[in-house]
Structure formats: structure tokens, C-alpha cells
Amino acid sequence: MARMTIRKVRLFAVIGLLAATPASMLQAQAPANAQQRCAALAGQFGDGVVVSEAALEAAGQTNSPGGPPVQLPAHCRVRGTIDRRTGVGGREFGIGFELRMPTDWNGRFLFQGGAGLDGQVSPAIGRIANSAQAPALARGFAVVSTDAGHSGSMVDASFGVDQQARIDYGYAAIGKVTSAAKALVQRYYARPPEHSYFAGCSNGGRQALTAAERYPLLFDGIVAGDPTLRFSRVAIDEAWNLNVLAKAAPRDAAGHPLIAKVFSLDDLKLVKTELLKRCDARDGLADGQIQDWKACDFDPAVLQCRKGQARSCLSPRQVVALRELHRGPHTPASGAIYGPFNYETGVAGSAWRGMRLGSAETGAANSADATLGLGMLRMFQLTPPDPHFDPWGQVDWDALLRRVAATAAIGDADSPFLSTFVEHGKLIAYNGLSDQGLASSELADWYRQALAASGPGAGDAIRLYLVPGMTHCGGGEATDQFEMLDAMVDWVEHGKAPDRVLARTSSGPALSRPLCPYPRVARYKGGNPADAASFECSA
């Protein structure tokens, strides 16, 4: 009965949206020709929506960011802006979006999540993180993307001086773009989507969780990959890392810390080797992947140099730094602010080094923590913005937590209360256990809270998967190729819950492994060690 009520509410919501849409967007006698129907979408509509471009694109190969060229079908490509305005400092703002609707439509709608700090309208082709399949557009989905309310690069947080821009980026663009896109889909095809999905990774994963938390009736299925769910605390963690490394770093002639020199590549390879020796075989097979990550009790102190030892060991300062990086920011008053991070094989990879240490070729700190992370903390997370915040010296971490609280209320996606969403929708979240910037323990903690807070149906509506060895949204020594959108469609439309998702390597030796719903892990039961069939999901 509850599910029937939810469906009626969603139907009435769609009817209300269409009733509020100008008649020009709902012409009863729409032109039959696809090219004419597409061109007819251009113009100004209600709710601040302006469609500036609408044209039919022929089938063909296209280049797109984030992957190789892809073959796309004939489709109507629409670009527009919602709520164009002049904001703080005379800067022009508006929520840019792109919608692509294939001529041969399968009745499905997909919101394509963004990346970084957005600021760009990426081609709405539905390229799915970790997938080896064709983009969703090529599979028949109508796909929408957005710049989340501001223009600029994905590492530019300068929009954070504008209150409305913070709100749009934090969550509001999702609702506004979805409503506009579904109205355009209705007009173009003369029928609404049969099923609506959201898929994204990183910031797109945060947006995906935000969609479930703030717009529980808009989507039937949501895939949230490596989500920055506690976004404000991630920013504090990045500042913490700089502070920790500065204490262990050598100094240049001017006294600036050279954080890239805290650990050499050989140091980190040594850590990885000892880590695997300690934890790899706990899942039944020594294969370079730590499946049973919670049972891993590695401590870098085992590598501390003994008296007279100068090689193949870590200095006391390095041991302290590595411990504090993995423990994450914490204080006696606030406790754990973010983390802890699990020890993983990615510690010796280029992604971890680029995130935490940067390049030793320059004296300036150029890690992602020191560039994207610090800029985002200063201009977006802190209220008011503070372009001069200094993470290198003495920092009051409790006070810093209070200074991000206002933006946390806007941009964090960690509400565990999904009682409305789980009545009709399904959610898959996943994270790489070697994610260089995000702690898997945070997502696992949110998942446990969501099951407890969202009612008896939550366990049948939410799944969490943790991917050994995988860095942020892919890469690493991992089986980082899997089809979560397919799993979601099967779950939503056919009732087939994804109790085991097949994952393969995208590089290196050909391996497959099952991804098991948390808290179960893949354990070797015998047979071909390269084959997922040789593993079972167990507690």
C-alpha cells in the first residue's frame, strides 16, 4: 500500500510539473519529424529555463572527455540555462545544462553526475565510471548533465563568494535541472520517462547521494561512486595532511616545507610490501589484493629504523606522518573529524603520491591537497570565504570544524534518513579501498546509519561495495571494471538484487573478482585464482 501511495505522489508531482509548464512546451500536435520536434524546443520557458540550442545530430563517432572516441546514435541535443543572473561582484551566473535524447529511445532517463567543482557542462552522453560498455546515450537513455550553477574550471572555487552559487552547487541544481530536463523529454517524445536514474562518481557520487537525500521522489535508481559525502570534512582532512607532512618535511632555503620529499618512491614501495605480507592472505589467497580490509592491522612502526639501520626502513618522523595521514584529523574535543583511512596497496601508486605529496621537481607544494583541496576549503567550505587561510602552522582544528558547518549543511551528502526513497527506489554506493582522497570507513559508517534510520525496507533498497586496490573512481591494482548501471536497471526493473557484481581488471593481468555487498568480503574457496567463480562472498 505504501508503494502504491508513493507512486501516486510521484504521478501527481509529474502532472503538477506539466501543468505548470507553459503550453508551448506541451503542444498537443508536436511536429512528427524528429528534426522539427527538436528544433521546436529552442526558446524561453517557465521557471527561468532558456533553451539556447536545439538541433538533431546525426549518428557518428565523437570525441569526449574521460575516454576514447565513442559511437553515438542520432539524437536531439539541447543546451540551455536556468535562472541566469548577475551575482556577487558582477559575475554572471546560471545553471547550465545539456540534454541529449536519442531518436531510438528506451524510455529511460539518466542524470549524469559531475566532477570536481563542476563549472563545465560536460557532453551528456552518459559515460559511466568503471564501465566497459558504450555510454548510456548509445544504449538508448536520454541523458542530462549540468555545470551545477557556475562556469569555470573543475578546480576553481571562486564561485564560493556567491551565496546562491553555493546553494546551486551544493544541491539545488539537481532538482532544477531534473525538472527542466523531464519537461523537455515529455515534450520531445510526447511521454514522460518510464524510469529515472542517476549515476556519478566523485563529486558526481556526492550529487547522487544528494539526489536520494534531498529529492527522494525524482529517481528510481541511483549509483553513487566514490562519493565525497562528508565534503566539508574531506576539505579539513586535506588541510590536515599538509600540516602533518610539513612537520616531517625538509625545508628549502627560505624555510618552506618540501612535502614531496617526505617519502620517496622506495619508501612507499617498502610500506606496500610489508602491508601485503601482513594482510594479503587473510582472505585465503595472496594475490596482491586485500579483500578482508577490516581485519588488516598493519602498523608502519614495524618499519621504523633500528639503531644503526639506514636503509629499507622508515625514520621516526616518517612513521608518525604515515600514521597521522591514515588516522585523519582528530582532536580531544571533537574526536575523529574524518577517517580513518585503511592501509592499502595504493599507498605506493602515483595517485596517492599526486594527492598527498605532489612532485618533488618544484619547491612549491603542488599536491592535489595543496591546490584543489586548499582552494576549495578557502573559497567554498569556509564561511565566510577566507582566501588567506594557512594550513601550515598552528591550526585550531575544532574551530575549523565550526567554520565549515554552514557549508556542510548545504553541500555534505551524509543524511542517513532515506525513508521515502527506500519505499520506491534503489541505491548502490561503492568506493575504492585505495581511494587516495576519500576514506572508505566514512562511506561504511554512513551505510550503517542509513540502514538503521531508514526503516525496515532499507536493507532491500541500499547496497554498498568496496573495491580492493581501486583508487579514486578507477585505476590501481584492482578489478576496477564493473557494470553498476546494468546492475541497477536489473534491480529496479526486474527485481534482481545485486548480491554479487562481477569485476574485471582494466589493465595488467586478466583477473575477475566478485564485488560483495558490505559487510561481506570475497574469500578464496579454491580453483583458478584468476576467476571470480573461485571466490565466495562471506562474512
Protein backbone atom coordinates (compact mmCIF):
# COMPACT_ATOMS: atom_id res chain seq x y z
CA MET A 1 0.00 0.00 0.00
CA ALA A 2 2.88 2.37 0.83
CA ARG A 3 4.44 1.72 -2.56
CA MET A 4 1.13 2.47 -4.29
CA THR A 5 0.91 5.75 -2.36
CA ILE A 6 4.45 6.72 -3.31
CA ARG A 7 3.78 6.02 -7.00
CA LYS A 8 0.61 8.15 -6.86
CA VAL A 9 2.52 11.01 -5.24
CA ARG A 10 5.19 10.79 -7.95
CA LEU A 11 2.50 10.73 -10.66
CA PHE A 12 0.76 13.78 -9.17
CA ALA A 13 4.14 15.53 -8.94
CA VAL A 14 4.74 14.94 -12.66
CA ILE A 15 1.22 16.09 -13.51
CA GLY A 16 1.77 19.21 -11.41
CA LEU A 17 5.07 19.91 -13.16
CA LEU A 18 3.49 19.52 -16.57
CA ALA A 19 0.54 21.68 -15.58
CA ALA A 20 2.92 24.45 -14.52
CA THR A 21 4.87 24.16 -17.77
CA PRO A 22 3.96 26.72 -20.46
CA ALA A 23 1.63 25.44 -23.14
CA SER A 24 4.34 25.99 -25.75
CA MET A 25 6.30 23.15 -24.12
CA LEU A 26 3.35 20.75 -24.25
CA GLN A 27 1.97 21.22 -27.75
CA ALA A 28 -0.65 18.57 -28.39
CA GLN A 29 0.19 18.49 -32.07
CA ALA A 30 4.01 18.31 -31.95
CA PRO A 31 5.70 18.00 -35.36
CA ALA A 32 6.16 14.34 -36.30
CA ASN A 33 9.61 14.86 -37.80
CA ALA A 34 12.40 14.38 -35.24
CA GLN A 35 14.39 17.32 -36.60
CA GLN A 36 11.38 19.63 -36.35
CA ARG A 37 10.46 18.37 -32.88
CA CYS A 38 14.00 19.00 -31.70
CA ALA A 39 14.25 22.49 -33.21
CA ALA A 40 10.90 23.39 -31.63
CA LEU A 41 12.47 23.03 -28.16
CA ALA A 42 14.52 26.23 -28.54
CA GLY A 43 13.20 29.29 -26.74
CA GLN A 44 12.26 30.69 -23.35
CA PHE A 45 10.07 28.73 -21.00
CA GLY A 46 8.76 28.99 -17.47
CA ASP A 47 10.76 28.69 -14.25
CA GLY A 48 13.70 30.61 -15.70
CA VAL A 49 14.55 27.98 -18.33
CA VAL A 50 16.09 29.22 -21.59
CA VAL A 51 16.98 26.72 -24.33
CA SER A 52 19.65 28.39 -26.45
CA GLU A 53 20.44 25.46 -28.77
CA ALA A 54 18.31 22.57 -30.01
CA ALA A 55 19.37 20.55 -33.04
CA LEU A 56 19.27 16.98 -34.28
CA GLU A 57 22.73 15.39 -34.51
CA ALA A 58 23.37 12.55 -36.92
CA ALA A 59 24.75 9.22 -35.76
CA GLY A 60 28.54 9.06 -35.75
CA GLN A 61 31.74 8.89 -33.77
CA THR A 62 32.60 11.65 -31.37
CA ASN A 63 35.42 12.54 -29.04
CA SER A 64 34.53 13.07 -25.40
CA PRO A 65 36.46 13.87 -22.26
CA GLY A 66 37.24 10.97 -19.95
CA GLY A 67 37.63 8.25 -22.53
CA PRO A 68 38.24 7.14 -26.12
CA PRO A 69 36.05 8.18 -29.06
CA VAL A 70 32.57 6.65 -28.95
CA GLN A 71 29.87 5.87 -31.47
CA LEU A 72 26.67 7.79 -30.74
CA PRO A 73 23.22 7.34 -32.25
CA ALA A 74 21.17 10.09 -33.90
CA HIS A 75 19.88 12.30 -31.12
CA CYS A 76 18.40 15.69 -30.26
CA ARG A 77 21.00 17.80 -28.47
CA VAL A 78 19.67 20.61 -26.28
CA ARG A 79 21.70 23.21 -24.37
CA GLY A 80 20.25 25.79 -22.05
CA THR A 81 20.46 27.80 -18.85
CA ILE A 82 18.26 28.04 -15.78
CA ASP A 83 17.99 31.16 -13.60
CA ARG A 84 20.54 33.35 -15.37
CA ARG A 85 21.51 36.24 -13.09
CA THR A 86 24.20 38.73 -12.07
CA GLY A 87 25.72 37.75 -8.76
CA VAL A 88 28.29 38.95 -6.24
CA GLY A 89 30.99 41.12 -7.78
CA GLY A 90 29.06 41.48 -11.05
CA ARG A 91 29.80 37.88 -12.04
CA GLU A 92 27.30 36.20 -14.35
CA PHE A 93 25.73 33.01 -13.02
CA GLY A 94 23.22 30.48 -14.26
CA ILE A 95 22.70 26.72 -14.16
CA GLY A 96 23.93 25.45 -17.50
CA PHE A 97 22.72 22.09 -18.77
CA GLU A 98 22.86 19.78 -21.77
CA LEU A 99 20.22 17.19 -22.63
CA ARG A 100 20.63 14.54 -25.34
CA MET A 101 17.66 12.45 -26.43
CA PRO A 102 18.21 9.54 -28.82
CA THR A 103 15.86 9.05 -31.75
CA ASP A 104 15.51 5.41 -30.70
CA TRP A 105 14.62 5.92 -27.01
CA ASN A 106 14.32 3.11 -24.49
CA GLY A 107 12.13 5.13 -22.13
CA ARG A 108 14.91 5.67 -19.57
CA PHE A 109 16.26 8.98 -18.23
CA LEU A 110 19.76 9.38 -16.74
CA PHE A 111 21.22 12.30 -14.82
CA GLN A 112 24.98 12.23 -15.44
CA GLY A 113 26.86 13.38 -12.31
CA GLY A 114 29.60 15.99 -12.47
CA ALA A 115 33.23 16.08 -11.36
CA GLY A 116 35.44 18.21 -9.14
CA LEU A 117 33.93 21.62 -8.56
CA ASP A 118 31.96 21.34 -11.81
CA GLY A 119 31.86 24.69 -13.67
CA GLN A 120 31.59 22.96 -17.04
CA VAL A 121 28.71 21.35 -18.90
CA SER A 122 30.18 18.01 -19.91
CA PRO A 123 28.80 16.24 -23.00
CA ALA A 124 25.64 14.47 -21.86
CA ILE A 125 26.45 11.08 -23.31
CA GLY A 126 26.23 9.08 -20.09
CA ARG A 127 29.75 7.72 -19.85
CA ILE A 128 29.59 5.55 -16.74
CA ALA A 129 32.56 5.33 -14.37
CA ASN A 130 34.19 1.88 -14.26
CA SER A 131 32.08 0.60 -17.16
CA ALA A 132 33.45 -1.08 -20.30
CA GLN A 133 30.16 -0.65 -22.13
CA ALA A 134 29.05 2.05 -24.52
CA PRO A 135 27.77 5.28 -22.93
CA ALA A 136 24.16 5.35 -21.78
CA LEU A 137 23.11 7.55 -24.72
CA ALA A 138 24.30 4.84 -27.12
CA ARG A 139 22.23 2.33 -25.13
CA GLY A 140 19.04 4.36 -25.62
CA PHE A 141 18.93 6.56 -22.49
CA ALA A 142 18.03 10.25 -22.58
CA VAL A 143 20.90 11.90 -20.66
CA VAL A 144 21.30 15.28 -18.95
CA SER A 145 24.39 16.97 -17.44
CA THR A 146 25.00 20.33 -15.74
CA ASP A 147 27.71 22.76 -14.64
CA ALA A 148 25.90 22.99 -11.24
CA GLY A 149 25.32 26.74 -11.44
CA HIS A 150 28.62 28.41 -12.34
CA SER A 151 31.21 28.50 -15.11
CA GLY A 152 34.93 27.93 -14.68
CA SER A 153 37.35 25.05 -14.31
CA MET A 154 36.71 21.97 -12.19
CA VAL A 155 39.35 23.18 -9.69
CA ASP A 156 38.14 26.80 -9.44
CA ALA A 157 36.29 27.53 -6.19
CA SER A 158 35.98 31.29 -6.73
CA PHE A 159 32.20 30.93 -7.20
CA GLY A 160 32.03 30.31 -3.45
CA VAL A 161 31.80 34.04 -2.68
CA ASP A 162 28.22 33.95 -4.02
CA GLN A 163 25.58 32.54 -1.67
CA GLN A 164 23.22 31.26 -4.37
CA ALA A 165 26.10 29.69 -6.29
CA ARG A 166 26.99 27.69 -3.18
CA ILE A 167 23.39 26.54 -2.88
CA ASP A 168 23.13 25.60 -6.57
CA TYR A 169 26.39 23.66 -6.50
CA GLY A 170 25.56 22.07 -3.16
CA TYR A 171 22.19 20.65 -4.18
CA ALA A 172 19.68 22.95 -5.89
CA ALA A 173 20.93 22.45 -9.46
CA ILE A 174 19.98 18.78 -9.25
CA GLY A 175 16.29 19.47 -8.67
CA LYS A 176 16.06 22.35 -11.14
CA VAL A 177 17.87 20.55 -13.97
CA THR A 178 15.91 17.34 -13.44
CA SER A 179 12.58 19.17 -13.59
CA ALA A 180 13.53 21.10 -16.74
CA ALA A 181 15.00 18.04 -18.45
CA LYS A 182 12.00 15.83 -17.76
CA ALA A 183 9.65 18.53 -19.10
CA LEU A 184 11.74 18.69 -22.29
CA VAL A 185 11.74 14.90 -22.57
CA GLN A 186 7.95 14.93 -22.21
CA ARG A 187 7.60 17.49 -24.97
CA TYR A 188 10.03 15.83 -27.39
CA TYR A 189 8.73 12.28 -27.04
CA ALA A 190 5.15 13.18 -26.01
CA ARG A 191 5.55 10.88 -22.99
CA PRO A 192 7.49 11.01 -19.72
CA PRO A 193 10.39 8.71 -18.80
CA GLU A 194 9.35 5.26 -17.63
CA HIS A 195 12.35 5.01 -15.29
CA SER A 196 14.74 7.67 -14.00
CA TYR A 197 18.34 7.03 -12.94
CA PHE A 198 21.26 9.00 -11.54
CA ALA A 199 24.89 7.86 -11.86
CA GLY A 200 28.07 9.67 -10.92
CA CYS A 201 31.47 9.30 -9.32
CA SER A 202 33.46 11.61 -7.01
CA ASN A 203 31.50 14.87 -6.89
CA GLY A 204 29.02 13.07 -9.13
CA GLY A 205 28.78 10.44 -6.40
CA ARG A 206 28.10 13.17 -3.85
CA GLN A 207 25.39 14.53 -6.14
CA ALA A 208 23.94 11.03 -6.43
CA LEU A 209 23.61 10.67 -2.65
CA THR A 210 22.24 14.23 -2.51
CA ALA A 211 19.55 13.24 -5.00
CA ALA A 212 18.42 10.38 -2.74
CA GLU A 213 18.57 12.55 0.38
CA ARG A 214 17.03 15.81 -0.88
CA TYR A 215 14.89 14.66 -3.85
CA PRO A 216 13.66 11.22 -2.80
CA LEU A 217 10.87 11.03 -5.42
CA LEU A 218 12.81 12.05 -8.53
CA PHE A 219 14.83 8.88 -9.25
CA ASP A 220 14.11 5.17 -9.27
CA GLY A 221 17.74 4.07 -9.19
CA ILE A 222 20.90 5.85 -8.03
CA VAL A 223 24.56 4.82 -8.40
CA ALA A 224 26.99 6.77 -6.19
CA GLY A 225 30.65 6.02 -6.90
CA ASP A 226 33.45 7.20 -4.56
CA PRO A 227 31.16 9.94 -3.19
CA THR A 228 32.56 12.94 -1.32
CA LEU A 229 29.66 12.58 1.08
CA ARG A 230 31.21 14.44 4.05
CA PHE A 231 32.57 17.07 1.71
CA SER A 232 33.36 19.71 4.33
CA ARG A 233 35.35 17.23 6.40
CA VAL A 234 37.24 15.98 3.34
CA ALA A 235 38.46 19.57 2.98
CA ILE A 236 39.62 19.60 6.60
CA ASP A 237 41.41 16.29 6.02
CA GLU A 238 43.28 17.76 3.07
CA ALA A 239 44.47 20.66 5.22
CA TRP A 240 45.40 18.18 7.97
CA ASN A 241 47.56 16.23 5.51
CA LEU A 242 49.50 19.37 4.59
CA ASN A 243 50.01 20.17 8.24
CA VAL A 244 51.19 16.64 9.09
CA LEU A 245 53.60 16.47 6.15
CA ALA A 246 55.02 19.94 6.89
CA LYS A 247 56.13 18.69 10.31
CA ALA A 248 58.08 15.82 8.74
CA ALA A 249 59.38 17.62 5.65
CA PRO A 250 62.84 19.01 4.94
CA ARG A 251 62.94 22.77 4.26
CA ASP A 252 64.18 24.84 1.37
CA ALA A 253 66.48 27.84 1.77
CA ALA A 254 63.52 30.08 2.58
CA GLY A 255 62.23 27.68 5.22
CA HIS A 256 59.27 26.33 3.21
CA PRO A 257 58.40 22.65 3.78
CA LEU A 258 59.17 20.35 0.84
CA ILE A 259 56.31 17.94 1.41
CA ALA A 260 57.02 15.96 -1.76
CA LYS A 261 60.26 14.80 -0.18
CA VAL A 262 58.76 13.31 2.98
CA PHE A 263 58.51 9.86 1.34
CA SER A 264 60.48 8.55 -1.59
CA LEU A 265 59.03 6.05 -4.04
CA ASP A 266 61.23 3.36 -2.45
CA ASP A 267 59.84 4.26 0.99
CA LEU A 268 56.28 3.74 -0.18
CA LYS A 269 57.10 0.51 -2.02
CA LEU A 270 58.59 -0.75 1.24
CA VAL A 271 55.32 0.08 3.01
CA LYS A 272 53.29 -1.74 0.37
CA THR A 273 55.49 -4.85 0.55
CA GLU A 274 55.22 -5.09 4.32
CA LEU A 275 51.49 -4.36 4.19
CA LEU A 276 50.85 -7.22 1.77
CA LYS A 277 52.97 -9.54 3.86
CA ARG A 278 50.81 -8.71 6.85
CA CYS A 279 47.29 -8.60 5.34
CA ASP A 280 47.09 -10.01 1.82
CA ALA A 281 46.40 -13.68 2.58
CA ARG A 282 43.70 -13.07 5.18
CA ASP A 283 41.06 -13.62 2.50
CA GLY A 284 42.52 -17.04 1.70
CA LEU A 285 44.78 -16.05 -1.21
CA ALA A 286 47.96 -13.99 -1.53
CA ASP A 287 47.14 -12.24 -4.78
CA GLY A 288 48.09 -8.59 -4.22
CA GLN A 289 44.54 -7.63 -3.16
CA ILE A 290 43.40 -7.09 0.41
CA GLN A 291 39.78 -8.20 0.40
CA ASP A 292 39.38 -8.50 4.17
CA TRP A 293 40.34 -4.89 4.79
CA LYS A 294 38.82 -4.57 8.25
CA ALA A 295 40.95 -7.45 9.54
CA CYS A 296 44.14 -5.71 8.40
CA ASP A 297 46.05 -4.49 11.47
CA PHE A 298 49.14 -3.11 9.75
CA ASP A 299 51.21 -0.59 11.73
CA PRO A 300 54.05 1.30 9.97
CA ALA A 301 56.03 1.15 13.22
CA VAL A 302 57.25 -2.31 12.14
CA LEU A 303 59.33 -0.49 9.51
CA GLN A 304 60.93 2.05 11.83
CA CYS A 305 64.71 2.08 11.56
CA ARG A 306 66.54 0.26 14.31
CA LYS A 307 69.74 1.56 15.80
CA GLY A 308 72.41 1.66 13.11
CA GLN A 309 69.92 0.93 10.28
CA ALA A 310 69.78 3.49 7.46
CA ARG A 311 68.17 1.63 4.55
CA SER A 312 64.96 -0.31 3.95
CA CYS A 313 63.29 1.36 6.89
CA LEU A 314 61.35 4.49 7.86
CA SER A 315 62.53 7.27 10.13
CA PRO A 316 60.52 8.00 13.30
CA ARG A 317 59.16 11.17 11.64
CA GLN A 318 58.00 9.17 8.62
CA VAL A 319 56.25 6.63 10.82
CA VAL A 320 54.40 9.37 12.70
CA ALA A 321 53.45 11.11 9.45
CA LEU A 322 52.12 7.93 7.84
CA ARG A 323 50.11 7.08 10.95
CA GLU A 324 48.59 10.56 11.15
CA LEU A 325 47.76 10.65 7.43
CA HIS A 326 45.83 7.40 7.79
CA ARG A 327 44.24 8.29 11.11
CA GLY A 328 42.90 11.55 9.71
CA PRO A 329 42.13 14.81 11.54
CA HIS A 330 41.15 14.39 15.16
CA THR A 331 41.13 16.35 18.41
CA PRO A 332 40.34 15.53 22.04
CA ALA A 333 37.25 17.74 21.89
CA SER A 334 35.81 16.74 18.51
CA GLY A 335 37.16 13.19 18.30
CA ALA A 336 37.64 11.83 14.80
CA ILE A 337 36.77 14.57 12.30
CA TYR A 338 37.37 12.47 9.18
CA GLY A 339 38.65 8.94 8.66
CA PRO A 340 40.42 6.73 9.42
CA PHE A 341 41.86 5.64 6.10
CA ASN A 342 42.59 1.93 5.73
CA TYR A 343 46.11 0.91 4.70
CA GLU A 344 46.04 -0.25 1.09
CA THR A 345 48.28 -1.09 -1.87
CA GLY A 346 47.54 2.28 -3.47
CA VAL A 347 49.94 3.92 -1.00
CA ALA A 348 52.77 3.13 -3.44
CA GLY A 349 50.91 4.36 -6.52
CA SER A 350 51.09 7.59 -8.47
CA ALA A 351 47.54 8.58 -7.48
CA TRP A 352 48.35 8.57 -3.75
CA ARG A 353 51.58 10.44 -4.34
CA GLY A 354 49.87 13.04 -6.52
CA MET A 355 47.15 13.59 -3.96
CA ARG A 356 49.27 13.76 -0.84
CA LEU A 357 52.85 14.62 -1.86
CA GLY A 358 52.90 16.10 -5.34
CA SER A 359 56.01 16.40 -7.44
CA ALA A 360 59.48 16.89 -5.99
CA GLU A 361 60.51 18.79 -9.14
CA THR A 362 59.32 22.09 -7.72
CA GLY A 363 59.80 23.70 -4.35
CA ALA A 364 56.16 24.81 -4.21
CA ALA A 365 53.61 22.43 -2.74
CA ASN A 366 51.77 21.10 -5.79
CA SER A 367 49.87 18.09 -4.49
CA ALA A 368 46.12 17.92 -5.07
CA ASP A 369 45.66 18.56 -1.34
CA ALA A 370 47.63 21.81 -1.69
CA THR A 371 45.90 23.01 -4.86
CA LEU A 372 42.33 21.76 -5.39
CA GLY A 373 41.83 20.88 -1.73
CA LEU A 374 43.14 24.08 -0.19
CA GLY A 375 41.41 26.30 -2.74
CA MET A 376 38.12 24.53 -2.17
CA LEU A 377 38.46 24.85 1.61
CA ARG A 378 39.29 28.55 1.46
CA MET A 379 36.63 29.68 -1.01
CA PHE A 380 33.77 27.19 -0.76
CA GLN A 381 33.84 25.40 2.58
CA LEU A 382 34.78 28.23 4.94
CA THR A 383 32.05 30.71 5.88
CA PRO A 384 32.80 33.44 5.09
CA PRO A 385 35.39 32.60 2.43
CA ASP A 386 38.96 33.05 3.61
CA PRO A 387 41.48 33.18 0.73
CA HIS A 388 44.34 33.55 3.21
CA PHE A 389 43.69 30.53 5.43
CA ASP A 390 47.08 28.98 6.29
CA PRO A 391 47.23 25.21 6.96
CA TRP A 392 50.98 25.04 7.53
CA GLY A 393 51.41 26.33 11.08
CA GLN A 394 49.30 26.10 14.22
CA VAL A 395 45.68 25.28 13.32
CA ASP A 396 42.73 25.14 15.69
CA TRP A 397 41.01 22.09 14.18
CA ASP A 398 37.96 22.35 16.44
CA ALA A 399 37.45 25.95 15.34
CA LEU A 400 37.97 24.93 11.71
CA LEU A 401 35.21 22.33 12.06
CA ARG A 402 32.87 25.07 13.28
CA ARG A 403 33.87 27.31 10.34
CA VAL A 404 32.74 24.73 7.75
CA ALA A 405 29.44 23.93 9.48
CA ALA A 406 27.34 26.34 7.40
CA THR A 407 28.54 24.91 4.09
CA ALA A 408 28.29 21.37 5.44
CA ALA A 409 24.56 21.98 5.77
CA ILE A 410 24.45 22.87 2.06
CA GLY A 411 26.97 20.57 0.41
CA ASP A 412 27.51 17.47 2.55
CA ALA A 413 25.57 14.40 1.43
CA ASP A 414 25.60 12.33 4.61
CA SER A 415 22.00 12.37 5.80
CA PRO A 416 21.14 8.75 6.65
CA PHE A 417 17.35 9.30 6.64
CA LEU A 418 16.01 7.84 3.37
CA SER A 419 12.61 6.54 4.49
CA THR A 420 10.75 7.99 1.48
CA PHE A 421 13.37 7.00 -1.09
CA VAL A 422 13.62 3.35 0.00
CA GLU A 423 9.85 2.91 -0.42
CA HIS A 424 10.28 3.03 -4.19
CA GLY A 425 13.95 3.48 -5.14
CA LYS A 426 17.23 1.57 -5.10
CA LEU A 427 20.70 2.87 -4.31
CA ILE A 428 24.16 1.43 -4.98
CA ALA A 429 27.19 3.09 -3.40
CA TYR A 430 30.78 1.99 -3.92
CA ASN A 431 34.27 3.17 -3.06
CA GLY A 432 37.81 2.15 -3.95
CA LEU A 433 39.66 0.88 -0.90
CA SER A 434 42.79 2.58 -2.30
CA ASP A 435 40.95 5.86 -2.92
CA GLN A 436 43.68 8.42 -2.38
CA GLY A 437 41.35 11.15 -1.12
CA LEU A 438 38.30 9.51 0.45
CA ALA A 439 38.14 7.21 3.47
CA SER A 440 36.07 4.08 2.85
CA SER A 441 35.31 3.95 6.57
CA GLU A 442 33.23 7.13 6.18
CA LEU A 443 31.01 5.59 3.49
CA ALA A 444 30.69 2.37 5.50
CA ASP A 445 29.67 4.42 8.55
CA TRP A 446 27.02 6.29 6.53
CA TYR A 447 25.70 2.99 5.15
CA ARG A 448 25.27 1.52 8.64
CA GLN A 449 23.47 4.68 9.77
CA ALA A 450 21.21 4.67 6.69
CA LEU A 451 20.11 1.09 7.32
CA ALA A 452 19.31 1.94 10.93
CA ALA A 453 17.49 5.20 10.21
CA SER A 454 15.51 4.48 7.05
CA GLY A 455 13.09 1.79 8.14
CA PRO A 456 12.72 -1.97 7.66
CA GLY A 457 12.89 -1.74 3.86
CA ALA A 458 16.31 -0.09 3.79
CA GLY A 459 18.23 -3.35 3.68
CA ASP A 460 16.38 -4.31 0.49
CA ALA A 461 16.99 -0.93 -1.17
CA ILE A 462 20.62 0.02 -0.48
CA ARG A 463 23.85 -1.82 -1.31
CA LEU A 464 27.47 -0.83 -0.59
CA TYR A 465 30.51 -2.28 -2.38
CA LEU A 466 34.16 -1.65 -1.50
CA VAL A 467 36.71 -2.37 -4.23
CA PRO A 468 40.16 -3.61 -3.11
CA GLY A 469 43.09 -1.77 -4.68
CA MET A 470 40.96 0.70 -6.64
CA THR A 471 41.94 4.35 -6.50
CA HIS A 472 39.51 7.25 -6.91
CA CYS A 473 36.81 6.22 -9.43
CA GLY A 474 39.12 3.67 -11.07
CA GLY A 475 42.74 2.66 -11.52
CA GLY A 476 45.13 0.97 -9.14
CA GLU A 477 46.00 -2.71 -8.89
CA ALA A 478 42.35 -3.65 -8.88
CA THR A 479 39.41 -5.23 -10.62
CA ASP A 480 38.11 -1.75 -11.35
CA GLN A 481 35.79 -2.50 -14.27
CA PHE A 482 32.19 -3.36 -13.41
CA GLU A 483 28.69 -2.57 -14.65
CA MET A 484 26.81 -0.85 -11.85
CA LEU A 485 24.25 0.86 -14.11
CA ASP A 486 23.28 -2.52 -15.57
CA ALA A 487 23.03 -3.94 -12.06
CA MET A 488 20.81 -1.02 -11.09
CA VAL A 489 18.49 -1.42 -14.09
CA ASP A 490 18.10 -5.13 -13.34
CA TRP A 491 17.32 -4.31 -9.72
CA VAL A 492 14.78 -1.55 -10.45
CA GLU A 493 13.04 -3.05 -13.46
CA HIS A 494 13.33 -6.79 -12.84
CA GLY A 495 13.67 -7.04 -9.07
CA LYS A 496 17.07 -8.74 -9.32
CA ALA A 497 19.09 -7.54 -6.31
CA PRO A 498 22.85 -7.26 -7.00
CA ASP A 499 24.09 -9.74 -4.40
CA ARG A 500 27.33 -10.24 -6.33
CA VAL A 501 28.74 -7.91 -9.02
CA LEU A 502 31.38 -9.19 -11.43
CA ALA A 503 34.51 -7.01 -11.61
CA ARG A 504 37.44 -7.32 -14.01
CA THR A 505 40.83 -5.69 -14.38
CA SER A 506 41.08 -2.83 -16.86
CA SER A 507 44.88 -3.13 -17.10
CA GLY A 508 47.54 -5.65 -16.17
CA PRO A 509 46.89 -9.41 -15.93
CA ALA A 510 43.33 -10.50 -16.72
CA LEU A 511 41.58 -11.17 -13.41
CA SER A 512 37.98 -11.21 -12.26
CA ARG A 513 36.62 -10.95 -8.75
CA PRO A 514 33.17 -10.68 -7.19
CA LEU A 515 32.27 -7.40 -5.54
CA CYS A 516 30.37 -8.37 -2.42
CA PRO A 517 27.75 -6.30 -0.60
CA TYR A 518 29.26 -4.82 2.56
CA PRO A 519 30.00 -6.15 5.13
CA ARG A 520 30.67 -9.40 3.26
CA VAL A 521 34.03 -9.85 1.53
CA ALA A 522 35.29 -12.09 -1.25
CA ARG A 523 37.16 -15.15 0.07
CA TYR A 524 39.06 -17.69 -1.98
CA LYS A 525 37.44 -21.14 -1.86
CA GLY A 526 39.71 -22.93 -4.34
CA GLY A 527 40.08 -23.21 -8.09
CA ASN A 528 41.52 -20.83 -10.68
CA PRO A 529 42.81 -17.83 -8.69
CA ALA A 530 42.20 -15.55 -11.69
CA ASP A 531 38.48 -16.37 -11.87
CA ALA A 532 35.71 -14.77 -9.81
CA ALA A 533 33.98 -18.16 -9.65
CA SER A 534 36.73 -19.28 -7.26
CA PHE A 535 35.57 -16.79 -4.63
CA GLU A 536 32.56 -16.63 -2.35
CA CYS A 537 31.03 -13.68 -0.54
CA SER A 538 31.17 -14.34 3.19
CA ALA A 539 31.17 -12.51 6.48
